[in-house]
Amino acid sequence: MRTLEFLKSYVVITLLFVIIGSTAIGQCTGHERFQDDRGLHRGGLNLSDEQQEQIKTFRLELMKEMTPIKNEIKVKTAELNMISTGDNVDTKKVNSLLDEIGSLKTKMAKKKFAHKQKLRGILTDEQKVLFDAHAGKMFGNKAKRGDGQMMKHRMHKGKRTVVKSAPDQYNKKECPLKEKTEIFG
């Protein structure tokens, strides 16, 4: 009985944090959040002022639609973490939550795709060709890009050094780096 009360209070507290956090996230500008369309301006599309305004409107609509879904995913993930640990794990409930989370993520993917099509709909034929050619790059999808890709990108910006070997600092009092090799020059 106490476990059930604890679980309920944990879910309520988690939900409060998610709601408070989502309102703080909502205060971020487009530069910091939902950067899907940022590449449109850098992609050489030469957007008109009217197109830029439409894109801002579309982005705001998407943010309004996505925020509650993201919050629900966070709540369900917190609940999943809570019920999937311990000795008496309810496998049916875990599987049900996993299905719900998957369904919500699919819903988000569909909304992103619809958003992309809406953006494409306001472009000229020339802009559509560029948009389609660079859509993967413009839409900065973290799942596709991965953190390793960002690191590679950062590494190419300037010279970096890789240390090939260094003496064990525990065996010697000083630890000078013996070999350095410049890469990405």
Protein backbone atom coordinates (compact mmCIF):
# COMPACT_ATOMS: atom_id res chain seq x y z
CA MET A 1 0.00 0.00 0.00
CA ARG A 2 2.82 2.39 0.84
CA THR A 3 4.52 1.57 -2.45
CA LEU A 4 1.40 2.57 -4.36
CA GLU A 5 1.18 5.88 -2.48
CA PHE A 6 4.87 6.51 -3.11
CA LEU A 7 4.44 5.74 -6.81
CA LYS A 8 1.49 8.12 -7.09
CA SER A 9 3.32 10.93 -5.32
CA TYR A 10 6.42 10.34 -7.45
CA VAL A 11 4.39 10.55 -10.67
CA VAL A 12 2.65 13.74 -9.49
CA ILE A 13 5.95 15.38 -8.54
CA THR A 14 7.51 14.32 -11.83
CA LEU A 15 4.53 15.72 -13.71
CA LEU A 16 4.89 19.04 -11.89
CA PHE A 17 8.57 19.24 -12.82
CA VAL A 18 7.76 18.44 -16.43
CA ILE A 19 5.08 21.13 -16.59
CA ILE A 20 7.32 23.71 -14.94
CA GLY A 21 10.21 22.72 -17.19
CA SER A 22 8.08 22.90 -20.31
CA THR A 23 7.00 26.45 -19.52
CA ALA A 24 10.66 27.40 -19.12
CA ILE A 25 11.49 25.69 -22.40
CA GLY A 26 8.63 27.54 -24.04
CA GLN A 27 10.39 30.80 -23.21
CA CYS A 28 13.38 29.88 -25.38
CA THR A 29 13.75 31.46 -28.77
CA GLY A 30 13.72 29.47 -31.99
CA HIS A 31 17.52 29.60 -32.00
CA GLU A 32 17.72 27.59 -28.80
CA ARG A 33 14.82 25.24 -29.38
CA PHE A 34 13.12 23.53 -32.33
CA GLN A 35 15.90 24.33 -34.73
CA ASP A 36 14.32 22.37 -37.58
CA ASP A 37 14.01 25.40 -39.84
CA ARG A 38 17.29 27.14 -39.06
CA GLY A 39 18.92 25.67 -42.13
CA LEU A 40 16.34 27.29 -44.37
CA HIS A 41 18.08 30.62 -43.91
CA ARG A 42 21.57 29.22 -44.34
CA GLY A 43 20.73 26.90 -47.22
CA GLY A 44 20.87 29.62 -49.87
CA LEU A 45 17.12 29.61 -50.37
CA ASN A 46 16.91 33.42 -50.43
CA LEU A 47 13.59 33.51 -48.63
CA SER A 48 11.37 36.54 -49.03
CA ASP A 49 10.20 38.44 -45.96
CA GLU A 50 6.74 36.94 -46.43
CA GLN A 51 8.15 33.41 -46.54
CA GLN A 52 10.21 34.07 -43.41
CA GLU A 53 7.09 35.26 -41.57
CA GLN A 54 5.16 32.19 -42.70
CA ILE A 55 7.98 29.95 -41.51
CA LYS A 56 7.94 31.65 -38.10
CA THR A 57 4.19 31.04 -37.90
CA PHE A 58 4.56 27.40 -38.93
CA ARG A 59 7.35 26.89 -36.41
CA LEU A 60 5.25 28.34 -33.60
CA GLU A 61 2.33 26.08 -34.55
CA LEU A 62 4.62 23.05 -34.49
CA MET A 63 6.04 24.01 -31.11
CA LYS A 64 2.53 24.35 -29.68
CA GLU A 65 1.62 20.90 -31.00
CA MET A 66 4.85 19.17 -29.97
CA THR A 67 5.26 20.48 -26.42
CA PRO A 68 2.34 18.55 -24.87
CA ILE A 69 3.42 15.37 -26.67
CA LYS A 70 7.00 15.75 -25.43
CA ASN A 71 5.72 16.36 -21.91
CA GLU A 72 3.57 13.24 -22.07
CA ILE A 73 6.58 11.22 -23.26
CA LYS A 74 8.61 12.52 -20.32
CA VAL A 75 5.88 11.59 -17.85
CA LYS A 76 5.44 8.12 -19.33
CA THR A 77 9.22 7.62 -19.39
CA ALA A 78 9.44 8.60 -15.71
CA GLU A 79 6.61 6.20 -14.91
CA LEU A 80 8.34 3.49 -16.95
CA ASN A 81 11.58 4.02 -15.03
CA MET A 82 9.66 3.81 -11.78
CA ILE A 83 7.79 0.58 -12.51
CA SER A 84 10.58 -1.22 -14.35
CA THR A 85 12.94 -1.34 -11.39
CA GLY A 86 12.69 -3.53 -8.36
CA ASP A 87 11.83 -7.14 -7.74
CA ASN A 88 8.16 -7.22 -8.77
CA VAL A 89 8.12 -5.74 -12.28
CA ASP A 90 4.74 -5.76 -14.04
CA THR A 91 5.81 -6.78 -17.55
CA LYS A 92 2.38 -6.09 -19.05
CA LYS A 93 2.39 -2.53 -17.69
CA VAL A 94 5.97 -1.98 -18.91
CA ASN A 95 5.07 -3.22 -22.39
CA SER A 96 1.95 -1.06 -22.40
CA LEU A 97 3.97 2.04 -21.49
CA LEU A 98 6.57 1.23 -24.14
CA ASP A 99 3.79 0.97 -26.73
CA GLU A 100 2.33 4.31 -25.60
CA ILE A 101 5.74 6.02 -25.77
CA GLY A 102 6.34 4.55 -29.22
CA SER A 103 2.94 5.75 -30.38
CA LEU A 104 3.66 9.27 -29.11
CA LYS A 105 7.04 9.32 -30.88
CA THR A 106 5.36 8.20 -34.10
CA LYS A 107 2.81 10.99 -33.67
CA MET A 108 5.69 13.49 -33.31
CA ALA A 109 7.42 12.16 -36.42
CA LYS A 110 4.21 12.55 -38.42
CA LYS A 111 3.79 16.13 -37.21
CA LYS A 112 7.40 16.93 -38.18
CA PHE A 113 6.84 15.45 -41.62
CA ALA A 114 3.63 17.45 -42.08
CA HIS A 115 5.52 20.57 -40.97
CA LYS A 116 8.25 19.90 -43.52
CA GLN A 117 5.64 19.51 -46.27
CA LYS A 118 3.96 22.74 -45.17
CA LEU A 119 7.31 24.53 -45.40
CA ARG A 120 7.96 23.04 -48.81
CA GLY A 121 4.53 24.26 -49.94
CA ILE A 122 5.49 27.93 -49.62
CA LEU A 123 8.71 27.62 -51.63
CA THR A 124 9.26 28.40 -55.30
CA ASP A 125 10.34 25.60 -57.66
CA GLU A 126 14.00 26.68 -57.40
CA GLN A 127 13.82 26.81 -53.62
CA LYS A 128 12.20 23.36 -53.52
CA VAL A 129 15.12 21.86 -55.43
CA LEU A 130 17.60 23.32 -52.92
CA PHE A 131 15.36 22.42 -50.00
CA ASP A 132 15.08 18.79 -51.12
CA ALA A 133 18.80 18.55 -51.83
CA HIS A 134 19.73 19.79 -48.36
CA ALA A 135 16.72 18.74 -46.30
CA GLY A 136 18.73 16.33 -44.13
CA LYS A 137 21.32 18.97 -43.37
CA MET A 138 18.83 21.78 -42.85
CA PHE A 139 16.66 19.85 -40.48
CA GLY A 140 19.48 19.20 -37.98
CA ASN A 141 17.86 15.97 -36.80
CA LYS A 142 19.87 14.91 -33.77
CA ALA A 143 18.91 11.29 -34.22
CA LYS A 144 20.41 11.25 -37.71
CA ARG A 145 23.35 13.49 -36.91
CA GLY A 146 24.42 11.96 -33.62
CA ASP A 147 26.83 13.55 -31.20
CA GLY A 148 29.79 12.04 -33.03
CA GLN A 149 28.95 14.02 -36.13
CA MET A 150 28.87 17.25 -34.13
CA MET A 151 32.26 16.44 -32.68
CA LYS A 152 33.63 15.78 -36.16
CA HIS A 153 32.24 19.12 -37.29
CA ARG A 154 33.87 20.92 -34.37
CA MET A 155 37.15 19.17 -34.99
CA HIS A 156 37.33 20.49 -38.54
CA LYS A 157 36.95 24.12 -37.45
CA GLY A 158 40.48 24.50 -36.16
CA LYS A 159 43.66 22.61 -35.43
CA ARG A 160 43.36 19.97 -32.79
CA THR A 161 46.07 17.85 -31.30
CA VAL A 162 45.90 14.23 -30.35
CA VAL A 163 48.24 12.91 -27.71
CA LYS A 164 49.78 9.63 -28.86
CA SER A 165 51.42 8.77 -25.58
CA ALA A 166 52.04 10.31 -22.22
CA PRO A 167 54.01 8.94 -19.29
CA ASP A 168 52.10 7.51 -16.39
CA GLN A 169 51.71 10.39 -13.97
CA TYR A 170 51.66 8.04 -11.01
CA ASN A 171 55.09 6.59 -11.76
CA LYS A 172 56.81 9.91 -12.40
CA LYS A 173 56.53 13.25 -10.66
CA GLU A 174 56.14 15.27 -13.85
CA CYS A 175 53.95 14.43 -16.79
CA PRO A 176 55.21 16.14 -19.96
CA LEU A 177 53.47 15.12 -23.14
CA LYS A 178 56.03 13.36 -25.31
CA GLU A 179 54.37 13.15 -28.69
CA LYS A 180 51.78 15.40 -30.22
CA THR A 181 50.41 15.04 -33.68
CA GLU A 182 48.44 17.79 -35.37
CA ILE A 183 45.33 16.68 -37.16
CA PHE A 184 42.64 18.41 -39.15
CA GLY A 185 45.14 21.12 -40.06
